[in-house]
PDB file of N, CA and C in Angstrom:
ATOM      1  N   MET A   1     126.889   7.987  83.691  1.00  0.00           N
ATOM      2  CA  MET A   1     127.833   7.374  84.622  1.00  0.00           C
ATOM      3  C   MET A   1     129.251   7.763  84.192  1.00  0.00           C
ATOM      4  N   LYS A   2     130.018   8.181  85.136  1.00  0.00           N
ATOM      5  CA  LYS A   2     131.384   8.602  84.857  1.00  0.00           C
ATOM      6  C   LYS A   2     132.309   7.393  84.768  1.00  0.00           C
ATOM      7  N   LYS A   3     133.434   7.598  84.099  1.00  0.00           N
ATOM      8  CA  LYS A   3     134.423   6.531  83.947  1.00  0.00           C
ATOM      9  C   LYS A   3     134.860   5.988  85.307  1.00  0.00           C
ATOM     10  N   ARG A   4     135.038   6.874  86.255  1.00  0.00           N
ATOM     11  CA  ARG A   4     135.453   6.468  87.596  1.00  0.00           C
ATOM     12  C   ARG A   4     134.410   5.558  88.246  1.00  0.00           C
ATOM     13  N   ASP A   5     133.128   5.850  88.002  1.00  0.00           N
ATOM     14  CA  ASP A   5     132.047   5.022  88.529  1.00  0.00           C
ATOM     15  C   ASP A   5     132.094   3.620  87.928  1.00  0.00           C
ATOM     16  N   LEU A   6     132.431   3.539  86.656  1.00  0.00           N
ATOM     17  CA  LEU A   6     132.519   2.237  85.993  1.00  0.00           C
ATOM     18  C   LEU A   6     133.655   1.399  86.562  1.00  0.00           C
ATOM     19  N   VAL A   7     134.774   2.042  86.869  1.00  0.00           N
ATOM     20  CA  VAL A   7     135.904   1.333  87.466  1.00  0.00           C
ATOM     21  C   VAL A   7     135.502   0.795  88.835  1.00  0.00           C
ATOM     22  N   TRP A   8     134.824   1.627  89.635  1.00  0.00           N
ATOM     23  CA  TRP A   8     134.357   1.187  90.946  1.00  0.00           C
ATOM     24  C   TRP A   8     133.397   0.016  90.806  1.00  0.00           C
ATOM     25  N   LYS A   9     132.465   0.103  89.844  1.00  0.00           N
ATOM     26  CA  LYS A   9     131.485  -0.965  89.630  1.00  0.00           C
ATOM     27  C   LYS A   9     132.193  -2.272  89.268  1.00  0.00           C
ATOM     28  N   PHE A  10     133.187  -2.204  88.400  1.00  0.00           N
ATOM     29  CA  PHE A  10     133.929  -3.401  88.015  1.00  0.00           C
ATOM     30  C   PHE A  10     134.648  -4.007  89.211  1.00  0.00           C
ATOM     31  N   GLU A  11     135.345  -3.168  89.961  1.00  0.00           N
ATOM     32  CA  GLU A  11     136.101  -3.668  91.122  1.00  0.00           C
ATOM     33  C   GLU A  11     135.162  -4.266  92.170  1.00  0.00           C
ATOM     34  N   TYR A  12     134.041  -3.622  92.418  1.00  0.00           N
ATOM     35  CA  TYR A  12     133.069  -4.129  93.388  1.00  0.00           C
ATOM     36  C   TYR A  12     132.506  -5.474  92.915  1.00  0.00           C
ATOM     37  N   ASP A  13     132.154  -5.560  91.642  1.00  0.00           N
ATOM     38  CA  ASP A  13     131.604  -6.796  91.086  1.00  0.00           C
ATOM     39  C   ASP A  13     132.629  -7.924  91.123  1.00  0.00           C
ATOM     40  N   ALA A  14     133.890  -7.611  90.830  1.00  0.00           N
ATOM     41  CA  ALA A  14     134.951  -8.621  90.847  1.00  0.00           C
ATOM     42  C   ALA A  14     135.180  -9.161  92.258  1.00  0.00           C
ATOM     43  N   GLU A  15     134.992  -8.323  93.272  1.00  0.00           N
ATOM     44  CA  GLU A  15     135.127  -8.778  94.656  1.00  0.00           C
ATOM     45  C   GLU A  15     133.912  -9.593  95.098  1.00  0.00           C
ATOM     46  N   LYS A  16     132.747  -9.193  94.634  1.00  0.00           N
ATOM     47  CA  LYS A  16     131.491  -9.784  95.079  1.00  0.00           C
ATOM     48  C   LYS A  16     131.221 -11.150  94.431  1.00  0.00           C
ATOM     49  N   ARG A  17     131.599 -11.305  93.167  1.00  0.00           N
ATOM     50  CA  ARG A  17     131.291 -12.527  92.429  1.00  0.00           C
ATOM     51  C   ARG A  17     132.573 -13.191  91.937  1.00  0.00           C
ATOM     52  N   SER A  18     132.531 -14.503  91.851  1.00  0.00           N
ATOM     53  CA  SER A  18     133.687 -15.237  91.330  1.00  0.00           C
ATOM     54  C   SER A  18     133.787 -15.035  89.819  1.00  0.00           C
ATOM     55  N   ARG A  19     134.910 -15.409  89.277  1.00  0.00           N
ATOM     56  CA  ARG A  19     135.120 -15.308  87.832  1.00  0.00           C
ATOM     57  C   ARG A  19     134.104 -16.177  87.085  1.00  0.00           C
ATOM     58  N   ILE A  20     133.836 -17.370  87.599  1.00  0.00           N
ATOM     59  CA  ILE A  20     132.870 -18.277  86.966  1.00  0.00           C
ATOM     60  C   ILE A  20     131.476 -17.654  86.985  1.00  0.00           C
ATOM     61  N   ALA A  21     131.083 -17.072  88.111  1.00  0.00           N
ATOM     62  CA  ALA A  21     129.765 -16.436  88.208  1.00  0.00           C
ATOM     63  C   ALA A  21     129.644 -15.292  87.199  1.00  0.00           C
ATOM     64  N   ARG A  22     130.696 -14.481  87.084  1.00  0.00           N
ATOM     65  CA  ARG A  22     130.668 -13.369  86.121  1.00  0.00           C
ATOM     66  C   ARG A  22     130.631 -13.879  84.685  1.00  0.00           C
ATOM     67  N   LEU A  23     131.309 -14.989  84.413  1.00  0.00           N
ATOM     68  CA  LEU A  23     131.271 -15.592  83.080  1.00  0.00           C
ATOM     69  C   LEU A  23     129.856 -16.081  82.758  1.00  0.00           C
ATOM     70  N   LEU A  24     129.222 -16.747  83.718  1.00  0.00           N
ATOM     71  CA  LEU A  24     127.861 -17.245  83.495  1.00  0.00           C
ATOM     72  C   LEU A  24     126.879 -16.097  83.277  1.00  0.00           C
ATOM     73  N   ILE A  25     127.048 -15.012  83.994  1.00  0.00           N
ATOM     74  CA  ILE A  25     126.179 -13.841  83.791  1.00  0.00           C
ATOM     75  C   ILE A  25     126.390 -13.261  82.399  1.00  0.00           C
ATOM     76  N   SER A  26     127.632 -13.216  81.942  1.00  0.00           N
ATOM     77  CA  SER A  26     127.892 -12.669  80.599  1.00  0.00           C
ATOM     78  C   SER A  26     127.297 -13.572  79.514  1.00  0.00           C
ATOM     79  N   ILE A  27     127.318 -14.881  79.722  1.00  0.00           N
ATOM     80  CA  ILE A  27     126.689 -15.805  78.769  1.00  0.00           C
ATOM     81  C   ILE A  27     125.178 -15.594  78.774  1.00  0.00           C
ATOM     82  N   ASP A  28     124.601 -15.415  79.967  1.00  0.00           N
ATOM     83  CA  ASP A  28     123.177 -15.125  80.110  1.00  0.00           C
ATOM     84  C   ASP A  28     122.827 -13.844  79.349  1.00  0.00           C
ATOM     85  N   GLN A  29     123.630 -12.805  79.501  1.00  0.00           N
ATOM     86  CA  GLN A  29     123.394 -11.541  78.805  1.00  0.00           C
ATOM     87  C   GLN A  29     123.521 -11.715  77.289  1.00  0.00           C
ATOM     88  N   PHE A  30     124.485 -12.541  76.852  1.00  0.00           N
ATOM     89  CA  PHE A  30     124.651 -12.828  75.425  1.00  0.00           C
ATOM     90  C   PHE A  30     123.378 -13.443  74.843  1.00  0.00           C
ATOM     91  N   PHE A  31     122.810 -14.424  75.548  1.00  0.00           N
ATOM     92  CA  PHE A  31     121.600 -15.064  75.051  1.00  0.00           C
ATOM     93  C   PHE A  31     120.389 -14.139  75.155  1.00  0.00           C
ATOM     94  N   ASN A  32     120.404 -13.198  76.087  1.00  0.00           N
ATOM     95  CA  ASN A  32     119.342 -12.200  76.143  1.00  0.00           C
ATOM     96  C   ASN A  32     119.331 -11.377  74.857  1.00  0.00           C
ATOM     97  N   VAL A  33     120.494 -11.021  74.362  1.00  0.00           N
ATOM     98  CA  VAL A  33     120.590 -10.274  73.107  1.00  0.00           C
ATOM     99  C   VAL A  33     120.233 -11.179  71.920  1.00  0.00           C
ATOM    100  N   LEU A  34     120.781 -12.369  71.900  1.00  0.00           N
ATOM    101  CA  LEU A  34     120.604 -13.275  70.766  1.00  0.00           C
ATOM    102  C   LEU A  34     119.159 -13.754  70.608  1.00  0.00           C
ATOM    103  N   VAL A  35     118.534 -14.197  71.682  1.00  0.00           N
ATOM    104  CA  VAL A  35     117.206 -14.810  71.600  1.00  0.00           C
ATOM    105  C   VAL A  35     116.086 -13.792  71.816  1.00  0.00           C
ATOM    106  N   TRP A  36     116.233 -12.920  72.814  1.00  0.00           N
ATOM    107  CA  TRP A  36     115.160 -11.991  73.157  1.00  0.00           C
ATOM    108  C   TRP A  36     115.360 -10.595  72.574  1.00  0.00           C
ATOM    109  N   ASN A  37     116.463 -10.355  71.871  1.00  0.00           N
ATOM    110  CA  ASN A  37     116.792  -9.038  71.339  1.00  0.00           C
ATOM    111  C   ASN A  37     116.765  -7.984  72.448  1.00  0.00           C
ATOM    112  N   GLY A  38     117.258  -8.384  73.634  1.00  0.00           N
ATOM    113  CA  GLY A  38     117.277  -7.489  74.790  1.00  0.00           C
ATOM    114  C   GLY A  38     118.578  -6.724  74.887  1.00  0.00           C
ATOM    115  N   SER A  39     118.719  -6.019  75.978  1.00  0.00           N
ATOM    116  CA  SER A  39     119.913  -5.213  76.230  1.00  0.00           C
ATOM    117  C   SER A  39     121.111  -6.107  76.552  1.00  0.00           C
ATOM    118  N   GLN A  40     122.283  -5.686  76.117  1.00  0.00           N
ATOM    119  CA  GLN A  40     123.512  -6.436  76.394  1.00  0.00           C
ATOM    120  C   GLN A  40     123.897  -6.349  77.865  1.00  0.00           C
ATOM    121  N   ASP A  41     123.290  -5.439  78.603  1.00  0.00           N
ATOM    122  CA  ASP A  41     123.609  -5.263  80.022  1.00  0.00           C
ATOM    123  C   ASP A  41     122.565  -5.875  80.942  1.00  0.00           C
ATOM    124  N   GLU A  42     121.705  -6.740  80.408  1.00  0.00           N
ATOM    125  CA  GLU A  42     120.607  -7.288  81.193  1.00  0.00           C
ATOM    126  C   GLU A  42     120.548  -8.801  81.030  1.00  0.00           C
ATOM    127  N   THR A  43     120.237  -9.503  82.113  1.00  0.00           N
ATOM    128  CA  THR A  43     120.091 -10.953  82.032  1.00  0.00           C
ATOM    129  C   THR A  43     118.700 -11.306  81.498  1.00  0.00           C
ATOM    130  N   ILE A  44     118.555 -12.540  81.084  1.00  0.00           N
ATOM    131  CA  ILE A  44     117.267 -13.017  80.576  1.00  0.00           C
ATOM    132  C   ILE A  44     116.204 -12.891  81.666  1.00  0.00           C
ATOM    133  N   SER A  45     116.531 -13.273  82.882  1.00  0.00           N
ATOM    134  CA  SER A  45     115.571 -13.208  83.989  1.00  0.00           C
ATOM    135  C   SER A  45     115.085 -11.784  84.223  1.00  0.00           C
ATOM    136  N   SER A  46     115.987 -10.831  84.190  1.00  0.00           N
ATOM    137  CA  SER A  46     115.620  -9.433  84.379  1.00  0.00           C
ATOM    138  C   SER A  46     114.721  -8.965  83.238  1.00  0.00           C
ATOM    139  N   HIS A  47     115.080  -9.326  82.028  1.00  0.00           N
ATOM    140  CA  HIS A  47     114.305  -8.951  80.842  1.00  0.00           C
ATOM    141  C   HIS A  47     112.882  -9.502  80.934  1.00  0.00           C
ATOM    142  N   ILE A  48     112.766 -10.776  81.261  1.00  0.00           N
ATOM    143  CA  ILE A  48     111.449 -11.400  81.368  1.00  0.00           C
ATOM    144  C   ILE A  48     110.692 -10.824  82.566  1.00  0.00           C
ATOM    145  N   GLY A  49     111.375 -10.568  83.666  1.00  0.00           N
ATOM    146  CA  GLY A  49     110.732  -9.962  84.832  1.00  0.00           C
ATOM    147  C   GLY A  49     110.090  -8.628  84.492  1.00  0.00           C
ATOM    148  N   ARG A  50     110.771  -7.816  83.700  1.00  0.00           N
ATOM    149  CA  ARG A  50     110.200  -6.536  83.263  1.00  0.00           C
ATOM    150  C   ARG A  50     108.986  -6.761  82.372  1.00  0.00           C
ATOM    151  N   ARG A  51     109.088  -7.754  81.459  1.00  0.00           N
ATOM    152  CA  ARG A  51     107.967  -8.045  80.554  1.00  0.00           C
ATOM    153  C   ARG A  51     106.742  -8.530  81.334  1.00  0.00           C
ATOM    154  N   ILE A  52     106.968  -9.329  82.364  1.00  0.00           N
ATOM    155  CA  ILE A  52     105.850  -9.798  83.192  1.00  0.00           C
ATOM    156  C   ILE A  52     105.221  -8.609  83.924  1.00  0.00           C
ATOM    157  N   ALA A  53     106.049  -7.746  84.500  1.00  0.00           N
ATOM    158  CA  ALA A  53     105.550  -6.572  85.225  1.00  0.00           C
ATOM    159  C   ALA A  53     104.747  -5.645  84.309  1.00  0.00           C
ATOM    160  N   ASP A  54     105.153  -5.562  83.046  1.00  0.00           N
ATOM    161  CA  ASP A  54     104.456  -4.709  82.069  1.00  0.00           C
ATOM    162  C   ASP A  54     103.247  -5.401  81.454  1.00  0.00           C
ATOM    163  N   GLY A  55     103.057  -6.696  81.752  1.00  0.00           N
ATOM    164  CA  GLY A  55     101.937  -7.445  81.179  1.00  0.00           C
ATOM    165  C   GLY A  55     102.154  -7.826  79.725  1.00  0.00           C
ATOM    166  N   ARG A  56     103.414  -7.907  79.285  1.00  0.00           N
ATOM    167  CA  ARG A  56     103.725  -8.210  77.883  1.00  0.00           C
ATOM    168  C   ARG A  56     104.407  -9.566  77.689  1.00  0.00           C
ATOM    169  N   ALA A  57     104.489 -10.371  78.738  1.00  0.00           N
ATOM    170  CA  ALA A  57     105.229 -11.641  78.663  1.00  0.00           C
ATOM    171  C   ALA A  57     104.418 -12.715  77.949  1.00  0.00           C
ATOM    172  N   PHE A  58     105.124 -13.564  77.230  1.00  0.00           N
ATOM    173  CA  PHE A  58     104.519 -14.731  76.590  1.00  0.00           C
ATOM    174  C   PHE A  58     104.372 -15.841  77.629  1.00  0.00           C
ATOM    175  N   LYS A  59     103.527 -16.803  77.340  1.00  0.00           N
ATOM    176  CA  LYS A  59     103.318 -17.926  78.261  1.00  0.00           C
ATOM    177  C   LYS A  59     104.619 -18.665  78.549  1.00  0.00           C
ATOM    178  N   ALA A  60     105.459 -18.837  77.533  1.00  0.00           N
ATOM    179  CA  ALA A  60     106.734 -19.544  77.717  1.00  0.00           C
ATOM    180  C   ALA A  60     107.651 -18.784  78.674  1.00  0.00           C
ATOM    181  N   GLU A  61     107.619 -17.451  78.621  1.00  0.00           N
ATOM    182  CA  GLU A  61     108.445 -16.642  79.518  1.00  0.00           C
ATOM    183  C   GLU A  61     107.946 -16.757  80.962  1.00  0.00           C
ATOM    184  N   ILE A  62     106.639 -16.757  81.123  1.00  0.00           N
ATOM    185  CA  ILE A  62     106.057 -16.923  82.459  1.00  0.00           C
ATOM    186  C   ILE A  62     106.401 -18.306  83.001  1.00  0.00           C
ATOM    187  N   LEU A  63     106.348 -19.306  82.138  1.00  0.00           N
ATOM    188  CA  LEU A  63     106.713 -20.666  82.539  1.00  0.00           C
ATOM    189  C   LEU A  63     108.180 -20.732  82.959  1.00  0.00           C
ATOM    190  N   LEU A  64     109.060 -20.089  82.212  1.00  0.00           N
ATOM    191  CA  LEU A  64     110.485 -20.069  82.558  1.00  0.00           C
ATOM    192  C   LEU A  64     110.695 -19.449  83.935  1.00  0.00           C
ATOM    193  N   CYS A  65     110.024 -18.343  84.234  1.00  0.00           N
ATOM    194  CA  CYS A  65     110.153 -17.728  85.556  1.00  0.00           C
ATOM    195  C   CYS A  65     109.584 -18.634  86.635  1.00  0.00           C
ATOM    196  N   SER A  66     108.541 -19.381  86.322  1.00  0.00           N
ATOM    197  CA  SER A  66     107.972 -20.326  87.297  1.00  0.00           C
ATOM    198  C   SER A  66     108.975 -21.425  87.635  1.00  0.00           C
ATOM    199  N   VAL A  67     109.693 -21.899  86.632  1.00  0.00           N
ATOM    200  CA  VAL A  67     110.720 -22.921  86.857  1.00  0.00           C
ATOM    201  C   VAL A  67     111.863 -22.339  87.682  1.00  0.00           C
ATOM    202  N   LEU A  68     112.271 -21.122  87.371  1.00  0.00           N
ATOM    203  CA  LEU A  68     113.363 -20.478  88.103  1.00  0.00           C
ATOM    204  C   LEU A  68     112.988 -20.184  89.552  1.00  0.00           C
ATOM    205  N   LYS A  69     111.684 -20.001  89.821  1.00  0.00           N
ATOM    206  CA  LYS A  69     111.227 -19.774  91.201  1.00  0.00           C
ATOM    207  C   LYS A  69     111.525 -20.972  92.093  1.00  0.00           C
ATOM    208  N   LYS A  70     111.592 -22.163  91.487  1.00  0.00           N
ATOM    209  CA  LYS A  70     111.896 -23.369  92.262  1.00  0.00           C
ATOM    210  C   LYS A  70     113.359 -23.362  92.716  1.00  0.00           C
ATOM    211  N   ILE A  71     114.216 -22.693  91.966  1.00  0.00           N
ATOM    212  CA  ILE A  71     115.632 -22.584  92.303  1.00  0.00           C
ATOM    213  C   ILE A  71     115.859 -21.445  93.305  1.00  0.00           C
ATOM    214  N   GLN A  72     115.234 -20.300  93.032  1.00  0.00           N
ATOM    215  CA  GLN A  72     115.357 -19.128  93.906  1.00  0.00           C
ATOM    216  C   GLN A  72     113.993 -18.449  93.980  1.00  0.00           C
ATOM    217  N   SER A  73     113.501 -18.261  95.184  1.00  0.00           N
ATOM    218  CA  SER A  73     112.200 -17.631  95.380  1.00  0.00           C
ATOM    219  C   SER A  73     112.145 -16.274  94.681  1.00  0.00           C
ATOM    220  N   ASN A  74     111.118 -16.095  93.849  1.00  0.00           N
ATOM    221  CA  ASN A  74     110.875 -14.823  93.167  1.00  0.00           C
ATOM    222  C   ASN A  74     112.075 -14.382  92.320  1.00  0.00           C
ATOM    223  N   HIS A  75     112.685 -15.320  91.617  1.00  0.00           N
ATOM    224  CA  HIS A  75     113.941 -15.076  90.889  1.00  0.00           C
ATOM    225  C   HIS A  75     113.849 -13.930  89.896  1.00  0.00           C
ATOM    226  N   CYS A  76     112.842 -13.912  89.055  1.00  0.00           N
ATOM    227  CA  CYS A  76     112.781 -12.889  88.004  1.00  0.00           C
ATOM    228  C   CYS A  76     112.634 -11.486  88.567  1.00  0.00           C
ATOM    229  N   ASN A  77     111.860 -11.329  89.649  1.00  0.00           N
ATOM    230  CA  ASN A  77     111.741 -10.011  90.272  1.00  0.00           C
ATOM    231  C   ASN A  77     113.043  -9.614  90.967  1.00  0.00           C
ATOM    232  N   ARG A  78     113.714 -10.564  91.591  1.00  0.00           N
ATOM    233  CA  ARG A  78     114.976 -10.268  92.269  1.00  0.00           C
ATOM    234  C   ARG A  78     116.064  -9.877  91.292  1.00  0.00           C
ATOM    235  N   SER A  79     115.972 -10.377  90.071  1.00  0.00           N
ATOM    236  CA  SER A  79     117.034 -10.121  89.094  1.00  0.00           C
ATOM    237  C   SER A  79     116.825  -8.825  88.323  1.00  0.00           C
ATOM    238  N   LEU A  80     115.747  -8.122  88.560  1.00  0.00           N
ATOM    239  CA  LEU A  80     115.510  -6.865  87.841  1.00  0.00           C
ATOM    240  C   LEU A  80     116.704  -5.937  88.013  1.00  0.00           C
ATOM    241  N   GLY A  81     117.164  -5.412  86.889  1.00  0.00           N
ATOM    242  CA  GLY A  81     118.316  -4.510  86.911  1.00  0.00           C
ATOM    243  C   GLY A  81     119.643  -5.213  86.809  1.00  0.00           C
ATOM    244  N   GLU A  82     119.634  -6.528  86.665  1.00  0.00           N
ATOM    245  CA  GLU A  82     120.902  -7.251  86.571  1.00  0.00           C
ATOM    246  C   GLU A  82     121.278  -7.509  85.140  1.00  0.00           C
TER     247      GLU A  82
END
């Protein structure tokens, strides 16, 4: 990805999401690194969604996605790549 693409991505994200929403996503990404040893650019839901798709998820991770489904239908699959 080129530097120019990153600037566009930042500007697009800043227009699309509020500052609070972006802060909450960054906290989510922080805990993905801290607890799940995941990527700094991925949310916990996305990380667990990939693990479920690969058949490597723990029961607690599947339970967490089940709880999140009550908030947003198919949350972990929708968050893939976030």
